[in-house]
Amino acid sequence: MRVARVDEDEDDEDDSEDVEDDSPSAHPSRGRLENLSRGDRGTSKGRPSRPVRTINGHPRGPTAAVFNAVTNNAVASSVGCFAGKGASKGAVSVVVRMTVGNNGSVKSATAVSGARDPTLRKCLCDVVKRLTFPPFEGPEVTRSIPFTAVSAPAPR
């Protein structure tokens, strides 16, 4: 059995927001010497830095890459949840919606769609509730994690 997950960036919601970078390198009109005198050398090619992209819109908020890395741990931990749940007949999917607080802990996790097996749904929610994210600033973050187990072909 193989468990797969879609990257967070493919979520149908785009809660992320570009946050303006107010460092000197973000303002090319200020002149290169002013940028250097402030200790900002820009990028290696002398171009301005890109805006910070975070999930919650706060400059010190979490990035999608951090959330993807942590939620991929949930995928690895979820394999046992799917044991004997019909994955041998094709694919079994469950989407778990979680809310993460500023301290990095998962405040809530709820199965919102997919397989109706209550044991499977509870097991996946418990896996998600054990996740720990790095602490961040700004509003809480709510995201969905799609879990899918697909039956693997029998070895020859």
Protein backbone atom coordinates (compact mmCIF):
# COMPACT_ATOMS: atom_id res chain seq x y z
CA MET A 1 0.00 0.00 0.00
CA ARG A 2 1.22 3.48 -0.83
CA VAL A 3 -0.03 6.67 0.82
CA ALA A 4 0.17 9.89 -1.18
CA ARG A 5 -0.48 13.54 -0.46
CA VAL A 6 -0.95 16.60 -2.62
CA ASP A 7 1.28 19.63 -1.96
CA GLU A 8 -0.34 22.41 0.03
CA ASP A 9 0.14 24.90 -2.81
CA GLU A 10 -2.34 22.89 -4.87
CA ASP A 11 -5.08 23.54 -2.29
CA ASP A 12 -8.17 25.13 -3.84
CA GLU A 13 -7.88 28.03 -1.42
CA ASP A 14 -5.12 30.59 -1.70
CA ASP A 15 -4.86 31.98 1.81
CA SER A 16 -1.32 33.14 1.21
CA GLU A 17 -0.51 36.74 0.62
CA ASP A 18 2.51 38.63 -0.61
CA VAL A 19 3.88 40.83 2.14
CA GLU A 20 5.81 43.92 1.12
CA ASP A 21 9.51 43.68 1.90
CA ASP A 22 10.54 47.08 3.24
CA SER A 23 14.25 46.34 3.28
CA PRO A 24 16.44 48.74 1.27
CA SER A 25 17.06 46.13 -1.43
CA ALA A 26 13.32 46.01 -2.14
CA HIS A 27 13.43 49.63 -3.27
CA PRO A 28 15.73 49.90 -6.30
CA SER A 29 14.98 53.63 -6.61
CA ARG A 30 16.96 54.32 -3.42
CA GLY A 31 20.28 53.78 -5.17
CA ARG A 32 22.93 51.13 -4.75
CA LEU A 33 25.20 53.12 -2.40
CA GLU A 34 22.42 53.71 0.11
CA ASN A 35 21.65 50.01 0.08
CA LEU A 36 25.29 49.14 0.75
CA SER A 37 25.62 51.68 3.54
CA ARG A 38 22.69 50.08 5.33
CA GLY A 39 24.39 46.68 5.14
CA ASP A 40 22.04 45.26 2.54
CA ARG A 41 23.79 43.87 -0.48
CA GLY A 42 20.60 42.63 -2.22
CA THR A 43 20.75 39.34 -4.07
CA SER A 44 23.92 37.88 -5.55
CA LYS A 45 23.09 39.52 -8.88
CA GLY A 46 22.30 42.92 -7.37
CA ARG A 47 18.55 42.61 -7.90
CA PRO A 48 16.06 43.51 -5.16
CA SER A 49 14.87 40.77 -2.81
CA ARG A 50 11.51 39.15 -3.52
CA PRO A 51 8.50 39.80 -1.27
CA VAL A 52 8.11 37.40 1.64
CA ARG A 53 5.36 34.87 0.97
CA THR A 54 3.65 33.40 4.02
CA ILE A 55 0.48 31.41 4.55
CA ASN A 56 -1.13 33.81 7.03
CA GLY A 57 0.11 37.06 5.48
CA HIS A 58 2.30 38.04 8.44
CA PRO A 59 5.98 38.78 7.63
CA ARG A 60 7.02 36.26 10.30
CA GLY A 61 4.26 33.81 9.52
CA PRO A 62 4.72 30.24 8.35
CA THR A 63 5.60 29.41 4.75
CA ALA A 64 3.95 26.72 2.63
CA ALA A 65 7.30 24.89 2.45
CA VAL A 66 7.44 24.56 6.25
CA PHE A 67 3.84 23.38 6.42
CA ASN A 68 4.42 20.85 3.61
CA ALA A 69 7.50 19.44 5.36
CA VAL A 70 5.64 18.92 8.64
CA THR A 71 2.46 17.53 7.06
CA ASN A 72 4.50 15.05 5.02
CA ASN A 73 5.45 13.52 8.38
CA ALA A 74 1.73 12.92 8.93
CA VAL A 75 1.58 10.98 5.67
CA ALA A 76 4.34 8.65 6.82
CA SER A 77 2.61 8.16 10.17
CA SER A 78 -0.79 7.49 8.57
CA VAL A 79 0.05 4.20 6.85
CA GLY A 80 -1.15 2.17 9.84
CA CYS A 81 -4.52 3.96 9.78
CA PHE A 82 -5.27 2.55 6.33
CA ALA A 83 -4.49 -1.10 7.19
CA GLY A 84 -7.50 -3.23 6.26
CA LYS A 85 -9.59 -0.24 5.14
CA GLY A 86 -10.31 -1.33 1.59
CA ALA A 87 -7.24 0.09 -0.13
CA SER A 88 -6.83 -3.30 -1.83
CA LYS A 89 -9.96 -2.44 -3.85
CA GLY A 90 -8.52 0.82 -5.21
CA ALA A 91 -7.97 4.19 -3.54
CA VAL A 92 -9.23 5.27 -0.13
CA SER A 93 -9.13 9.00 0.63
CA VAL A 94 -9.85 11.24 3.62
CA VAL A 95 -9.35 15.00 3.88
CA VAL A 96 -8.48 16.29 7.36
CA ARG A 97 -8.88 20.01 8.12
CA MET A 98 -6.56 21.32 10.86
CA THR A 99 -6.10 24.62 12.67
CA VAL A 100 -2.60 25.43 13.92
CA GLY A 101 -2.03 27.98 16.69
CA ASN A 102 0.86 30.44 16.97
CA ASN A 103 2.72 28.14 19.34
CA GLY A 104 2.92 25.50 16.58
CA SER A 105 0.49 23.00 18.07
CA VAL A 106 -2.55 21.68 16.21
CA LYS A 107 -5.60 23.10 18.00
CA SER A 108 -8.15 21.05 16.06
CA ALA A 109 -8.31 18.38 13.37
CA THR A 110 -11.53 17.20 11.71
CA ALA A 111 -12.14 14.77 8.86
CA VAL A 112 -14.20 16.82 6.41
CA SER A 113 -14.60 14.47 3.44
CA GLY A 114 -13.70 11.08 2.04
CA ALA A 115 -14.15 7.61 3.45
CA ARG A 116 -16.91 7.33 6.05
CA ASP A 117 -15.14 4.73 8.22
CA PRO A 118 -15.16 6.36 11.71
CA THR A 119 -12.09 4.40 12.88
CA LEU A 120 -10.05 5.55 9.88
CA ARG A 121 -11.20 9.16 10.27
CA LYS A 122 -10.36 9.22 14.00
CA CYS A 123 -6.96 7.62 13.41
CA LEU A 124 -6.02 10.23 10.78
CA CYS A 125 -7.24 13.11 12.98
CA ASP A 126 -5.14 11.74 15.86
CA VAL A 127 -2.06 11.60 13.57
CA VAL A 128 -2.61 15.25 12.57
CA LYS A 129 -3.16 16.38 16.18
CA ARG A 130 0.29 15.03 17.09
CA LEU A 131 2.03 17.27 14.51
CA THR A 132 4.18 20.12 15.79
CA PHE A 133 4.98 23.16 13.65
CA PRO A 134 7.58 25.84 14.37
CA PRO A 135 6.05 28.75 16.34
CA PHE A 136 5.03 31.71 14.19
CA GLU A 137 3.52 35.18 14.40
CA GLY A 138 0.23 36.41 13.00
CA PRO A 139 -3.16 34.71 12.81
CA GLU A 140 -3.78 30.99 13.24
CA VAL A 141 -3.55 28.87 10.10
CA THR A 142 -6.25 26.47 8.89
CA ARG A 143 -5.31 23.98 6.19
CA SER A 144 -6.58 20.74 4.70
CA ILE A 145 -4.44 17.63 4.34
CA PRO A 146 -5.65 15.10 1.74
CA PHE A 147 -4.66 11.52 2.62
CA THR A 148 -4.98 8.84 -0.07
CA ALA A 149 -4.00 5.18 0.15
CA VAL A 150 -3.64 3.33 -3.14
CA SER A 151 -3.24 -0.41 -3.39
CA ALA A 152 0.17 -1.44 -4.74
CA PRO A 153 0.41 -4.22 -7.31
CA ALA A 154 1.39 -7.59 -5.90
CA PRO A 155 5.12 -8.36 -6.23
CA ARG A 156 6.05 -10.81 -8.97
